Protein backbone atom coordinates (compact mmCIF):
# COMPACT_ATOMS: atom_id res chain seq x y z
CA MET A 1 0.00 0.00 0.00
CA PRO A 2 1.43 3.40 -0.96
CA THR A 3 1.73 5.85 1.88
CA ILE A 4 0.69 9.49 1.64
CA GLU A 5 2.91 11.95 3.45
CA LEU A 6 1.70 15.47 4.06
CA SER A 7 4.01 18.36 4.71
CA PHE A 8 3.36 20.49 7.77
CA GLU A 9 2.16 23.34 5.55
CA ALA A 10 -0.29 21.08 3.69
CA ALA A 11 -1.65 19.61 6.93
CA ARG A 12 -2.05 23.07 8.41
CA SER A 13 -3.93 24.27 5.32
CA ILE A 14 -6.29 21.30 5.56
CA ILE A 15 -6.97 21.98 9.24
CA TYR A 16 -7.57 25.69 8.59
CA THR A 17 -9.95 24.93 5.73
CA PHE A 18 -11.83 22.38 7.82
CA ALA A 19 -12.07 24.84 10.73
CA ALA A 20 -13.48 27.61 8.55
CA LEU A 21 -16.04 25.30 6.90
CA LEU A 22 -17.06 23.85 10.25
CA GLY A 23 -17.40 27.34 11.69
CA ALA A 24 -19.62 28.44 8.82
CA CYS A 25 -21.88 25.42 9.43
CA PHE A 26 -22.02 26.16 13.16
CA GLY A 27 -22.80 29.79 12.33
CA SER A 28 -25.75 28.67 10.22
CA PHE A 29 -26.97 26.46 13.06
CA MET A 30 -26.48 29.34 15.48
CA SER A 31 -29.03 31.43 13.60
CA VAL A 32 -31.58 28.70 14.26
CA CYS A 33 -30.64 28.59 17.95
CA ILE A 34 -30.84 32.38 18.37
CA TRP A 35 -34.34 32.43 16.88
CA ARG A 36 -35.78 29.34 18.56
CA MET A 37 -34.16 28.95 21.97
CA PRO A 38 -35.64 32.11 23.58
CA ARG A 39 -39.04 31.02 22.24
CA ASN A 40 -38.62 27.55 23.78
CA GLU A 41 -38.88 25.94 20.35
CA SER A 42 -37.03 22.82 19.22
CA ILE A 43 -33.73 23.57 17.50
CA VAL A 44 -34.08 20.35 15.50
CA PHE A 45 -37.68 20.24 14.26
CA PRO A 46 -39.10 21.54 12.04
CA ARG A 47 -36.42 22.02 9.41
CA SER A 48 -35.25 25.49 8.46
CA HIS A 49 -37.95 27.45 6.68
CA CYS A 50 -38.51 30.94 5.32
CA PRO A 51 -40.05 33.19 8.00
CA SER A 52 -42.09 34.98 5.33
CA CYS A 53 -43.68 32.15 3.29
CA ASN A 54 -42.91 29.24 5.69
CA LYS A 55 -41.61 27.12 2.82
CA LEU A 56 -39.02 24.56 3.88
CA ILE A 57 -35.53 25.48 2.69
CA PRO A 58 -33.95 22.66 0.65
CA TRP A 59 -30.39 21.70 1.51
CA TYR A 60 -28.99 23.22 -1.68
CA HIS A 61 -30.42 26.59 -0.66
CA ASN A 62 -29.08 26.24 2.85
CA ILE A 63 -25.34 26.04 2.21
CA PRO A 64 -23.59 28.43 4.61
CA ILE A 65 -22.37 31.71 3.09
CA LEU A 66 -22.64 30.46 -0.50
CA SER A 67 -26.45 30.18 -0.62
CA TRP A 68 -27.00 33.68 0.77
CA LEU A 69 -24.62 35.14 -1.81
CA LEU A 70 -26.05 33.18 -4.76
CA LEU A 71 -29.64 34.01 -3.78
CA ARG A 72 -28.61 37.64 -3.21
CA GLY A 73 -30.13 37.64 0.25
CA ARG A 74 -33.62 36.62 -0.84
CA CYS A 75 -35.86 33.58 -0.41
CA ALA A 76 -35.81 31.37 -3.51
CA GLU A 77 -39.61 30.92 -3.29
CA CYS A 78 -41.20 34.22 -2.27
CA LYS A 79 -38.22 36.54 -2.91
CA ALA A 80 -38.54 38.05 0.57
CA LYS A 81 -35.35 39.61 1.92
CA ILE A 82 -33.18 37.47 4.18
CA SER A 83 -31.35 39.47 6.81
CA PRO A 84 -27.60 39.88 6.16
CA ARG A 85 -27.17 38.93 9.80
CA TYR A 86 -27.34 35.26 8.75
CA LEU A 87 -24.36 35.80 6.47
CA LEU A 88 -22.48 37.80 9.09
CA LEU A 89 -23.00 35.10 11.73
CA GLU A 90 -21.65 32.45 9.39
CA LEU A 91 -18.63 34.56 8.46
CA LEU A 92 -17.93 35.54 12.08
CA THR A 93 -18.16 31.97 13.34
CA ALA A 94 -15.97 30.73 10.50
CA ALA A 95 -13.38 33.37 11.42
CA LEU A 96 -13.49 32.48 15.13
CA PHE A 97 -13.17 28.75 14.47
CA LEU A 98 -10.25 29.51 12.18
CA ALA A 99 -8.65 31.61 14.93
CA VAL A 100 -9.08 28.74 17.40
CA ALA A 101 -7.37 26.39 14.93
CA TRP A 102 -4.51 28.87 14.58
CA ARG A 103 -4.13 29.16 18.36
CA PHE A 104 -4.59 25.51 19.39
CA MET A 105 -3.75 23.44 16.32
CA THR A 106 -0.96 21.61 18.15
CA ASP A 107 -3.46 20.31 20.74
CA PRO A 108 -6.50 18.91 18.86
CA ALA A 109 -8.47 18.01 22.00
CA VAL A 110 -8.21 21.54 23.37
CA MET A 111 -9.04 22.92 19.91
CA VAL A 112 -12.33 20.99 19.82
CA VAL A 113 -13.27 22.17 23.32
CA MET A 114 -12.46 25.77 22.41
CA TRP A 115 -14.69 25.51 19.34
CA LEU A 116 -17.56 24.63 21.68
CA VAL A 117 -16.60 27.48 24.02
CA VAL A 118 -16.47 30.03 21.19
CA PHE A 119 -19.83 28.83 19.88
CA GLY A 120 -21.36 29.19 23.35
CA PHE A 121 -19.98 32.70 23.91
CA GLU A 122 -21.18 33.85 20.51
CA LEU A 123 -24.61 32.28 20.94
CA GLY A 124 -25.04 33.86 24.37
CA THR A 125 -23.94 37.24 23.03
CA PHE A 126 -26.55 37.46 20.29
CA ILE A 127 -29.39 36.09 22.42
CA ASP A 128 -28.49 38.62 25.11
CA ILE A 129 -28.49 41.43 22.56
CA ASP A 130 -31.91 40.41 21.23
CA TRP A 131 -33.64 39.24 24.41
CA TYR A 132 -31.60 40.53 27.37
CA ILE A 133 -31.21 36.98 28.66
CA LEU A 134 -28.35 34.49 28.79
CA PRO A 135 -29.65 30.93 28.38
CA ASP A 136 -28.73 28.36 31.03
CA SER A 137 -27.51 26.07 28.25
CA VAL A 138 -24.69 28.60 27.72
CA THR A 139 -23.99 29.66 31.31
CA ILE A 140 -24.62 26.54 33.37
CA GLY A 141 -23.53 24.46 30.40
CA GLY A 142 -20.24 26.36 30.40
CA MET A 143 -19.73 25.66 34.11
CA VAL A 144 -20.38 21.95 33.62
CA LEU A 145 -18.11 21.83 30.56
CA GLY A 146 -15.30 23.58 32.40
CA LEU A 147 -15.49 21.26 35.41
CA ALA A 148 -15.78 18.17 33.19
CA VAL A 149 -12.90 18.84 30.81
CA SER A 150 -10.42 20.33 33.30
CA PRO A 151 -9.25 16.98 34.75
CA LEU A 152 -9.27 15.46 31.26
CA LEU A 153 -7.30 18.34 29.75
CA PRO A 154 -5.27 19.75 32.65
CA GLN A 155 -3.19 21.80 30.22
CA LEU A 156 -6.16 24.19 30.13
CA HIS A 157 -5.03 25.29 33.59
CA GLY A 158 -1.31 25.20 32.97
CA THR A 159 -0.56 21.88 34.66
CA ASP A 160 -0.34 18.16 33.94
CA ASP A 161 -1.95 17.18 37.25
CA TRP A 162 -5.64 16.39 36.74
CA LEU A 163 -6.54 16.99 40.38
CA LEU A 164 -4.82 20.38 40.46
CA ALA A 165 -6.55 21.31 37.21
CA LEU A 166 -9.94 20.41 38.68
CA LEU A 167 -9.16 22.42 41.79
CA ARG A 168 -8.20 25.44 39.71
CA SER A 169 -11.43 25.07 37.73
CA VAL A 170 -13.49 25.02 40.94
CA ILE A 171 -11.62 28.04 42.32
CA GLY A 172 -12.14 29.86 39.03
CA LEU A 173 -15.86 29.08 39.03
CA CYS A 174 -16.25 30.29 42.62
CA THR A 175 -14.21 33.43 41.88
CA GLY A 176 -16.18 34.45 38.81
CA PHE A 177 -19.59 33.52 40.20
CA GLY A 178 -18.88 34.90 43.67
CA ILE A 179 -17.57 38.31 42.62
CA LEU A 180 -20.45 39.14 40.29
CA TYR A 181 -22.99 37.70 42.72
CA LEU A 182 -21.65 40.06 45.37
CA VAL A 183 -21.83 42.97 42.91
CA ALA A 184 -25.43 42.03 42.08
CA VAL A 185 -26.47 41.85 45.74
CA LEU A 186 -24.73 45.10 46.75
CA GLY A 187 -26.04 46.87 43.65
CA LYS A 188 -29.59 45.83 44.42
CA LEU A 189 -29.24 47.11 47.99
CA ALA A 190 -27.74 50.41 46.83
CA TYR A 191 -30.05 51.17 43.89
CA LYS A 192 -33.20 49.36 45.08
CA LYS A 193 -33.39 47.50 41.77
CA GLU A 194 -31.59 44.81 39.84
CA ALA A 195 -28.08 46.09 39.12
CA MET A 196 -26.73 42.92 37.50
CA GLY A 197 -28.50 40.16 35.63
CA PHE A 198 -28.05 36.72 37.17
CA GLY A 199 -27.18 35.37 33.74
CA ASP A 200 -24.04 37.53 33.82
CA VAL A 201 -23.15 36.02 37.20
CA LYS A 202 -23.44 32.50 35.82
CA LEU A 203 -21.55 33.44 32.65
CA LEU A 204 -18.54 34.68 34.62
CA GLY A 205 -18.73 31.49 36.67
CA ALA A 206 -18.49 29.51 33.44
CA VAL A 207 -15.49 31.58 32.35
CA GLY A 208 -13.78 30.84 35.66
CA ALA A 209 -14.49 27.11 35.36
CA LEU A 210 -12.94 27.08 31.90
CA PHE A 211 -10.03 29.49 32.35
CA GLY A 212 -9.38 29.68 36.09
CA TRP A 213 -9.46 32.64 38.46
CA LYS A 214 -7.09 34.74 36.36
CA GLY A 215 -9.32 34.31 33.33
CA ALA A 216 -12.38 35.24 35.39
CA LEU A 217 -10.81 38.43 36.75
CA PHE A 218 -9.44 39.40 33.35
CA THR A 219 -12.89 38.88 31.82
CA LEU A 220 -14.60 40.94 34.53
CA PHE A 221 -12.29 43.94 34.25
CA GLY A 222 -11.95 43.57 30.48
CA GLY A 223 -15.73 43.45 30.06
CA ALA A 224 -16.14 46.53 32.25
CA PHE A 225 -13.46 48.34 30.24
CA LEU A 226 -15.09 47.48 26.90
CA GLY A 227 -18.49 48.46 28.25
CA SER A 228 -17.19 51.83 29.45
CA ILE A 229 -15.73 52.54 26.00
CA ILE A 230 -19.11 51.90 24.38
CA GLY A 231 -20.81 53.98 27.07
CA VAL A 232 -18.53 56.97 26.46
CA PHE A 233 -19.05 56.59 22.70
CA LEU A 234 -22.83 56.68 23.15
CA ILE A 235 -22.59 59.76 25.35
CA PHE A 236 -20.58 61.61 22.68
CA ARG A 237 -23.13 60.49 20.08
CA GLY A 238 -25.93 61.94 22.21
CA LYS A 239 -27.45 58.53 22.90
CA ARG A 240 -27.07 58.46 26.66
CA GLU A 241 -30.51 56.81 27.00
CA LEU A 242 -29.19 53.68 25.27
CA GLN A 243 -26.59 53.02 27.96
CA GLY A 244 -29.02 51.32 30.30
CA ARG A 245 -30.33 49.14 27.50
CA ILE A 246 -27.01 47.50 26.58
CA PRO A 247 -26.57 44.08 28.21
CA PHE A 248 -23.30 43.28 29.97
CA GLY A 249 -23.10 39.70 28.69
CA PRO A 250 -21.66 40.56 25.25
CA PHE A 251 -18.83 42.54 26.86
CA LEU A 252 -18.02 39.65 29.17
CA ALA A 253 -18.03 37.26 26.21
CA ALA A 254 -15.77 39.57 24.19
CA ALA A 255 -13.32 39.88 27.07
CA ALA A 256 -13.36 36.10 27.58
CA LEU A 257 -12.46 35.63 23.92
CA LEU A 258 -9.60 38.10 24.36
CA TRP A 259 -8.35 35.96 27.24
CA LEU A 260 -8.73 32.78 25.20
CA PHE A 261 -6.57 34.09 22.37
CA PHE A 262 -4.24 36.65 23.94
CA GLY A 263 -4.84 36.73 27.70
CA GLU A 264 -1.40 35.75 28.95
CA GLU A 265 0.31 38.02 26.40
CA ILE A 266 -1.86 40.97 27.45
CA LEU A 267 -1.08 40.35 31.12
CA ASP A 268 2.65 40.12 30.41
CA TRP A 269 2.51 43.39 28.47
CA TYR A 270 0.49 45.10 31.21
CA PHE A 271 2.82 44.05 34.01
CA SER A 272 5.83 45.03 31.93
CA LEU A 273 4.42 48.57 31.95
CA LEU A 274 3.88 48.49 35.71
CA LEU A 275 7.19 46.81 36.49
CA PRO A 276 9.61 47.76 33.72
CA LYS A 277 12.89 45.90 33.68
CA GLU A 278 15.92 47.97 34.62
C-alpha cells in the first residue's frame, strides 16, 4: 500500500480549511438557535424554513455563506429579503473557528473544546443582545463543561496534574460567580433595583471554570473596560438613553475571547508597563 505523506504546511492548510467550513456550518446552526431557543422551540424540528412564506428550505439553498450570496439575500420561493445577519453570523463563526485552529492546532483536543466554548460565547452574546437573557444552556452548560474537561485536559489550567486542574477550575468558578454575585447583591441594595442580571453572574462562573481565576478576573475587568468605552461613545453620540439598554453579557463574552486568544500576552505586556525591567 502506498503511503501518503503530508508536509506540515499542507496539513495546516487542511486543518484551517476544515475549521473555517465547520465554523460556517455552526454559524448557520447558530441562527436557528438564536431564533428558537428564547421562544422555547425545538432547535431540530421543524427544518429550516422561510419566516415569510414558511416554505421549507432545501439543503442546496441552505449552504452556509454560499447560498445567501447566490440568492442575493432573498428567499428562492417568495423573494422576501433574508437578513444579512445570517451571512455575518456564518462569516464571524468561521473566522473564530479559524482563529481557534490557529491558536490551538498543536493540541487537537483543546481545539475541539475551544470551538464549543467560542460557539457558546457567541450564541449567548446574540441572544443577550436580542432578548436581554443568557440561556442556562450557555452559562450553566459552560460551568459543567469547564469542570468536566479540566481533569481530562489539565493543560487548560497550565498543569499536567488532573486533580490540580480540577481544583483550579473550581476556584475559578467560585471566583467568577462569587464576585459578580456580590456585585449584584450590593447593587440591588444600593439602587433598590436589579443592578446585575443573574445570567451575567453564571456566565462569569463559566469563564472561571474554563479558564481559572485569572481568566475570570481578566474577563470581569476587560468586560467593564469594553463596556465603558461603548458607554462613552454613546454619550458623545448623544445617545445616553441607550446606555441602560445595553446588556453586559456581550462585553463579558468579548473579554473572555480576548483571554482565550491573547490573555497571557496581554497580562505580560500590562505588568511590563507596571514593572519595567531595569
